[in-house]
C-alpha atoms as a PDB file:
ATOM      1  CA  ASN A   1     248.926  86.853   8.735  1.00  0.00           C
ATOM      2  CA  ILE A   2     250.159  87.327   5.168  1.00  0.00           C
ATOM      3  CA  PRO A   3     247.495  86.346   2.599  1.00  0.00           C
ATOM      4  CA  VAL A   4     248.715  83.669   0.177  1.00  0.00           C
ATOM      5  CA  ARG A   5     248.167  83.113  -3.530  1.00  0.00           C
ATOM      6  CA  GLY A   6     248.125  79.433  -4.502  1.00  0.00           C
ATOM      7  CA  HIS A   7     250.112  78.528  -7.609  1.00  0.00           C
ATOM      8  CA  THR A   8     249.130  76.309  -9.456  1.00  0.00           C
ATOM      9  CA  LEU A   9     246.610  73.480  -9.552  1.00  0.00           C
ATOM     10  CA  VAL A  10     246.951  72.385 -13.188  1.00  0.00           C
ATOM     11  CA  TRP A  11     250.126  72.905 -15.188  1.00  0.00           C
ATOM     12  CA  HIS A  12     251.315  70.618 -17.994  1.00  0.00           C
ATOM     13  CA  SER A  13     254.924  71.271 -17.023  1.00  0.00           C
ATOM     14  CA  GLN A  14     254.662  70.133 -13.418  1.00  0.00           C
ATOM     15  CA  THR A  15     252.327  67.132 -13.508  1.00  0.00           C
ATOM     16  CA  PRO A  16     254.296  63.870 -13.664  1.00  0.00           C
ATOM     17  CA  ASP A  17     253.511  61.336 -16.381  1.00  0.00           C
ATOM     18  CA  TRP A  18     252.567  58.630 -13.851  1.00  0.00           C
ATOM     19  CA  PHE A  19     249.567  60.745 -12.790  1.00  0.00           C
ATOM     20  CA  PHE A  20     248.060  60.053 -16.235  1.00  0.00           C
ATOM     21  CA  ARG A  21     248.902  56.329 -16.446  1.00  0.00           C
ATOM     22  CA  GLU A  22     246.932  53.248 -15.488  1.00  0.00           C
ATOM     23  CA  ASN A  23     247.561  52.344 -11.830  1.00  0.00           C
ATOM     24  CA  TYR A  24     249.755  55.471 -11.500  1.00  0.00           C
ATOM     25  CA  SER A  25     252.505  53.450 -13.136  1.00  0.00           C
ATOM     26  CA  LYS A  26     255.978  54.907 -13.616  1.00  0.00           C
ATOM     27  CA  ASP A  27     256.511  52.390 -16.429  1.00  0.00           C
ATOM     28  CA  ALA A  28     256.702  54.341 -19.704  1.00  0.00           C
ATOM     29  CA  SER A  29     254.920  51.532 -21.528  1.00  0.00           C
ATOM     30  CA  ALA A  30     251.834  51.654 -19.261  1.00  0.00           C
ATOM     31  CA  GLU A  31     248.612  52.806 -20.885  1.00  0.00           C
ATOM     32  CA  TRP A  32     247.203  56.295 -20.422  1.00  0.00           C
ATOM     33  CA  VAL A  33     243.947  56.447 -18.466  1.00  0.00           C
ATOM     34  CA  SER A  34     240.614  57.353 -20.001  1.00  0.00           C
ATOM     35  CA  LYS A  35     239.166  60.852 -19.925  1.00  0.00           C
ATOM     36  CA  GLU A  36     236.688  59.783 -17.253  1.00  0.00           C
ATOM     37  CA  VAL A  37     239.402  58.409 -14.977  1.00  0.00           C
ATOM     38  CA  MET A  38     241.566  61.482 -15.482  1.00  0.00           C
ATOM     39  CA  LEU A  39     238.680  63.781 -14.556  1.00  0.00           C
ATOM     40  CA  GLU A  40     238.117  61.737 -11.385  1.00  0.00           C
ATOM     41  CA  ARG A  41     241.790  62.093 -10.547  1.00  0.00           C
ATOM     42  CA  LEU A  42     241.684  65.822 -11.224  1.00  0.00           C
ATOM     43  CA  GLU A  43     238.705  66.312  -8.935  1.00  0.00           C
ATOM     44  CA  ASN A  44     240.213  64.142  -6.194  1.00  0.00           C
ATOM     45  CA  TYR A  45     243.511  66.002  -6.413  1.00  0.00           C
ATOM     46  CA  ILE A  46     241.878  69.431  -6.100  1.00  0.00           C
ATOM     47  CA  LYS A  47     239.495  68.284  -3.362  1.00  0.00           C
ATOM     48  CA  ASN A  48     242.262  66.647  -1.330  1.00  0.00           C
ATOM     49  CA  LEU A  49     244.678  69.539  -1.749  1.00  0.00           C
ATOM     50  CA  MET A  50     242.072  72.047  -0.575  1.00  0.00           C
ATOM     51  CA  ALA A  51     241.211  69.830   2.409  1.00  0.00           C
ATOM     52  CA  LEU A  52     244.900  69.504   3.257  1.00  0.00           C
ATOM     53  CA  ILE A  53     245.544  73.262   3.252  1.00  0.00           C
ATOM     54  CA  GLU A  54     242.427  73.865   5.353  1.00  0.00           C
ATOM     55  CA  GLU A  55     243.587  71.277   7.904  1.00  0.00           C
ATOM     56  CA  THR A  56     247.291  72.163   7.856  1.00  0.00           C
ATOM     57  CA  TYR A  57     247.013  75.954   7.567  1.00  0.00           C
ATOM     58  CA  PRO A  58     243.667  76.872   9.154  1.00  0.00           C
ATOM     59  CA  THR A  59     244.728  80.458   9.875  1.00  0.00           C
ATOM     60  CA  VAL A  60     246.185  81.219   6.435  1.00  0.00           C
ATOM     61  CA  GLU A  61     243.985  83.186   4.054  1.00  0.00           C
ATOM     62  CA  PHE A  62     244.329  81.769   0.548  1.00  0.00           C
ATOM     63  CA  TYR A  63     242.959  84.785  -1.293  1.00  0.00           C
ATOM     64  CA  ALA A  64     243.555  83.428  -4.817  1.00  0.00           C
ATOM     65  CA  TRP A  65     244.526  80.291  -6.731  1.00  0.00           C
ATOM     66  CA  ASP A  66     245.994  80.035 -10.197  1.00  0.00           C
ATOM     67  CA  VAL A  67     243.803  77.146 -11.267  1.00  0.00           C
ATOM     68  CA  VAL A  68     245.215  76.541 -14.745  1.00  0.00           C
ATOM     69  CA  ASN A  69     248.626  77.761 -15.807  1.00  0.00           C
ATOM     70  CA  GLU A  70     249.977  78.193 -19.335  1.00  0.00           C
ATOM     71  CA  ALA A  71     247.442  76.099 -21.249  1.00  0.00           C
ATOM     72  CA  VAL A  72     247.666  78.214 -24.422  1.00  0.00           C
ATOM     73  CA  ASP A  73     250.417  77.767 -27.004  1.00  0.00           C
ATOM     74  CA  PRO A  74     250.040  80.175 -29.940  1.00  0.00           C
ATOM     75  CA  ASN A  75     252.355  78.040 -32.068  1.00  0.00           C
ATOM     76  CA  THR A  76     249.542  75.559 -32.714  1.00  0.00           C
ATOM     77  CA  ARG A  77     246.522  76.097 -34.952  1.00  0.00           C
ATOM     78  CA  THR A  78     244.107  75.536 -32.085  1.00  0.00           C
ATOM     79  CA  GLY A  79     245.993  77.694 -29.606  1.00  0.00           C
ATOM     80  CA  MET A  80     246.198  74.811 -27.162  1.00  0.00           C
ATOM     81  CA  ARG A  81     249.321  72.856 -26.334  1.00  0.00           C
ATOM     82  CA  ASN A  82     249.995  69.728 -28.349  1.00  0.00           C
ATOM     83  CA  PRO A  83     248.908  66.435 -26.776  1.00  0.00           C
ATOM     84  CA  GLY A  84     251.732  64.383 -25.305  1.00  0.00           C
ATOM     85  CA  SER A  85     254.226  64.180 -22.487  1.00  0.00           C
ATOM     86  CA  ASN A  86     256.037  67.374 -21.544  1.00  0.00           C
ATOM     87  CA  ASN A  87     258.821  65.087 -20.300  1.00  0.00           C
ATOM     88  CA  VAL A  88     259.282  63.708 -23.826  1.00  0.00           C
ATOM     89  CA  THR A  89     258.670  66.907 -25.818  1.00  0.00           C
ATOM     90  CA  SER A  90     258.861  70.171 -23.922  1.00  0.00           C
ATOM     91  CA  GLY A  91     255.607  72.118 -24.079  1.00  0.00           C
ATOM     92  CA  ASN A  92     253.335  69.155 -24.744  1.00  0.00           C
ATOM     93  CA  SER A  93     250.396  68.501 -22.431  1.00  0.00           C
ATOM     94  CA  LEU A  94     249.103  65.193 -21.133  1.00  0.00           C
ATOM     95  CA  TRP A  95     245.996  67.105 -20.023  1.00  0.00           C
ATOM     96  CA  MET A  96     245.290  67.676 -23.717  1.00  0.00           C
ATOM     97  CA  GLN A  97     246.070  64.051 -24.546  1.00  0.00           C
ATOM     98  CA  THR A  98     243.911  62.428 -21.861  1.00  0.00           C
ATOM     99  CA  VAL A  99     241.091  64.964 -21.428  1.00  0.00           C
ATOM    100  CA  GLY A 100     241.279  67.539 -24.204  1.00  0.00           C
ATOM    101  CA  GLU A 101     240.381  71.217 -23.784  1.00  0.00           C
ATOM    102  CA  ASP A 102     237.665  70.252 -21.281  1.00  0.00           C
ATOM    103  CA  PHE A 103     240.351  69.958 -18.599  1.00  0.00           C
ATOM    104  CA  ILE A 104     240.368  73.744 -18.215  1.00  0.00           C
ATOM    105  CA  GLU A 105     236.677  74.123 -17.471  1.00  0.00           C
ATOM    106  CA  LYS A 106     236.629  71.029 -15.251  1.00  0.00           C
ATOM    107  CA  ALA A 107     239.620  72.259 -13.231  1.00  0.00           C
ATOM    108  CA  PHE A 108     237.823  75.548 -12.586  1.00  0.00           C
ATOM    109  CA  GLU A 109     234.586  73.733 -11.778  1.00  0.00           C
ATOM    110  CA  TYR A 110     236.340  71.573  -9.163  1.00  0.00           C
ATOM    111  CA  ALA A 111     238.307  74.526  -7.782  1.00  0.00           C
ATOM    112  CA  ARG A 112     235.097  76.542  -7.395  1.00  0.00           C
ATOM    113  CA  LYS A 113     233.556  73.599  -5.544  1.00  0.00           C
ATOM    114  CA  TYR A 114     236.438  72.982  -3.111  1.00  0.00           C
ATOM    115  CA  ALA A 115     238.468  76.199  -2.761  1.00  0.00           C
ATOM    116  CA  PRO A 116     238.245  78.154   0.497  1.00  0.00           C
ATOM    117  CA  LYS A 117     235.290  80.507   0.752  1.00  0.00           C
ATOM    118  CA  GLY A 118     236.116  83.871  -0.803  1.00  0.00           C
ATOM    119  CA  CYS A 119     239.145  82.526  -2.688  1.00  0.00           C
ATOM    120  CA  LYS A 120     239.401  84.020  -6.189  1.00  0.00           C
ATOM    121  CA  LEU A 121     240.156  81.718  -9.107  1.00  0.00           C
ATOM    122  CA  PHE A 122     242.570  82.781 -11.849  1.00  0.00           C
ATOM    123  CA  TYR A 123     243.789  81.653 -15.225  1.00  0.00           C
ATOM    124  CA  ASN A 124     247.530  82.460 -15.448  1.00  0.00           C
ATOM    125  CA  ASP A 125     249.731  82.673 -18.558  1.00  0.00           C
ATOM    126  CA  TYR A 126     252.814  84.261 -20.135  1.00  0.00           C
ATOM    127  CA  ASN A 127     253.099  86.310 -23.358  1.00  0.00           C
ATOM    128  CA  GLU A 128     249.498  87.129 -22.554  1.00  0.00           C
ATOM    129  CA  TYR A 129     249.921  90.425 -24.401  1.00  0.00           C
ATOM    130  CA  GLU A 130     250.665  88.878 -27.811  1.00  0.00           C
ATOM    131  CA  ASP A 131     247.715  89.394 -30.144  1.00  0.00           C
ATOM    132  CA  VAL A 132     247.039  85.781 -31.195  1.00  0.00           C
ATOM    133  CA  LYS A 133     247.677  84.304 -27.764  1.00  0.00           C
ATOM    134  CA  SER A 134     245.593  86.952 -25.997  1.00  0.00           C
ATOM    135  CA  THR A 135     242.652  86.113 -28.280  1.00  0.00           C
ATOM    136  CA  PHE A 136     242.813  82.423 -27.325  1.00  0.00           C
ATOM    137  CA  ILE A 137     243.105  83.354 -23.637  1.00  0.00           C
ATOM    138  CA  TYR A 138     240.228  85.823 -23.937  1.00  0.00           C
ATOM    139  CA  ASN A 139     237.974  83.118 -25.383  1.00  0.00           C
ATOM    140  CA  ILE A 140     238.846  80.707 -22.562  1.00  0.00           C
ATOM    141  CA  LEU A 141     238.156  83.413 -19.979  1.00  0.00           C
ATOM    142  CA  LYS A 142     234.888  84.421 -21.652  1.00  0.00           C
ATOM    143  CA  ASN A 143     233.603  80.845 -21.516  1.00  0.00           C
ATOM    144  CA  LEU A 144     234.632  80.465 -17.870  1.00  0.00           C
ATOM    145  CA  LYS A 145     233.183  83.857 -16.897  1.00  0.00           C
ATOM    146  CA  GLU A 146     229.836  83.015 -18.495  1.00  0.00           C
ATOM    147  CA  LYS A 147     229.693  79.974 -16.183  1.00  0.00           C
ATOM    148  CA  ASP A 148     230.875  81.948 -13.105  1.00  0.00           C
ATOM    149  CA  LEU A 149     233.981  79.781 -12.839  1.00  0.00           C
ATOM    150  CA  VAL A 150     236.744  82.403 -13.076  1.00  0.00           C
ATOM    151  CA  ASP A 151     237.438  85.599 -11.155  1.00  0.00           C
ATOM    152  CA  GLY A 152     240.537  86.857 -12.859  1.00  0.00           C
ATOM    153  CA  MET A 153     243.419  86.768 -15.276  1.00  0.00           C
ATOM    154  CA  GLY A 154     246.997  86.431 -14.083  1.00  0.00           C
ATOM    155  CA  MET A 155     249.299  88.261 -16.474  1.00  0.00           C
ATOM    156  CA  GLN A 156     252.750  86.818 -15.794  1.00  0.00           C
ATOM    157  CA  SER A 157     254.444  89.909 -17.216  1.00  0.00           C
ATOM    158  CA  HIS A 158     257.884  88.589 -18.094  1.00  0.00           C
ATOM    159  CA  TRP A 159     259.092  91.743 -19.815  1.00  0.00           C
ATOM    160  CA  THR A 160     262.298  93.125 -21.241  1.00  0.00           C
ATOM    161  CA  MET A 161     263.088  96.784 -21.774  1.00  0.00           C
ATOM    162  CA  ASP A 162     261.904  96.691 -25.393  1.00  0.00           C
ATOM    163  CA  TYR A 163     259.231  93.985 -25.375  1.00  0.00           C
ATOM    164  CA  PRO A 164     256.298  94.025 -25.125  1.00  0.00           C
ATOM    165  CA  SER A 165     255.433  97.529 -26.188  1.00  0.00           C
ATOM    166  CA  VAL A 166     253.270  99.597 -23.874  1.00  0.00           C
ATOM    167  CA  SER A 167     250.477  99.452 -26.463  1.00  0.00           C
ATOM    168  CA  MET A 168     250.617  95.624 -26.622  1.00  0.00           C
ATOM    169  CA  PHE A 169     250.273  95.413 -22.868  1.00  0.00           C
ATOM    170  CA  GLU A 170     247.545  98.056 -22.742  1.00  0.00           C
ATOM    171  CA  ASN A 171     245.536  96.448 -25.562  1.00  0.00           C
ATOM    172  CA  SER A 172     245.597  93.006 -23.941  1.00  0.00           C
ATOM    173  CA  MET A 173     244.726  94.387 -20.521  1.00  0.00           C
ATOM    174  CA  ARG A 174     241.797  96.343 -21.972  1.00  0.00           C
ATOM    175  CA  LYS A 175     240.650  93.200 -23.814  1.00  0.00           C
ATOM    176  CA  TYR A 176     240.617  91.123 -20.609  1.00  0.00           C
ATOM    177  CA  ASP A 177     239.018  93.990 -18.694  1.00  0.00           C
ATOM    178  CA  THR A 178     235.947  93.899 -20.978  1.00  0.00           C
ATOM    179  CA  LEU A 179     235.064  90.593 -19.291  1.00  0.00           C
ATOM    180  CA  GLY A 180     234.662  92.290 -15.914  1.00  0.00           C
ATOM    181  CA  ILE A 181     237.300  90.132 -14.276  1.00  0.00           C
ATOM    182  CA  GLU A 182     240.145  91.071 -11.951  1.00  0.00           C
ATOM    183  CA  ILE A 183     243.551  91.409 -13.586  1.00  0.00           C
ATOM    184  CA  GLN A 184     246.754  90.799 -11.630  1.00  0.00           C
ATOM    185  CA  LEU A 185     250.440  90.951 -12.560  1.00  0.00           C
ATOM    186  CA  THR A 186     251.515  87.621 -11.133  1.00  0.00           C
ATOM    187  CA  GLU A 187     255.148  87.005 -12.042  1.00  0.00           C
ATOM    188  CA  LEU A 188     256.483  90.448 -12.885  1.00  0.00           C
ATOM    189  CA  ASP A 189     260.163  90.496 -13.740  1.00  0.00           C
END
C-alpha cells in the first residue's frame, strides 16, 4: 500500500532510436518518421502503458507521473535540447528532431487523458535553480498550466555542499510557486 510515483514517460535519454524510425527499424540508415506518426506513437505508448499498469497493478496508487524529463538544455539559444540522436551525441533529442517543442504539450495532453484518476502530472528537470534554465522551465510550465495539463514541478535537486546557493534554490522555487503548482524534490542527493 505504498503510493508510487511514475518516472518517466518521455525522456530523450531513455527512448531508443528505433522508436523514431520507419517500421521501428534498428537499421541506422532507416528514415525517421513524420511528426504525425511520432505523435501517434507517443499517444499509443502512453495509453498502453497506463492500461498496462491499471491491469497489472490494480491496487497500486500511482499518485504522480513525471511526464517529461529533462527537456531543457540551457546551453542552446532556444533552451531546448538539440535535435538528433542521444545515442550519437549525448544530450540530443529525437523528440526535438521528429516532433519539435510540441512533444512536451502533447505528452502532457495524452498523460492527462490516460493517467489514473487523481494522478498528478509533473515536469521534472535538473539544475532547475539556474537562472536561465529556470526561466525556460517556467515558460514551459506556464503554458501547460494555462491549459490545465500540469500539476507540478519536480526539482531533481542534485546538490553539492557549495552549489547551488540557498538563494538560487529559493528564487527558483518562488518563481515556480507563482504558477500555483505543486513543487516536489524528486531526486534529492
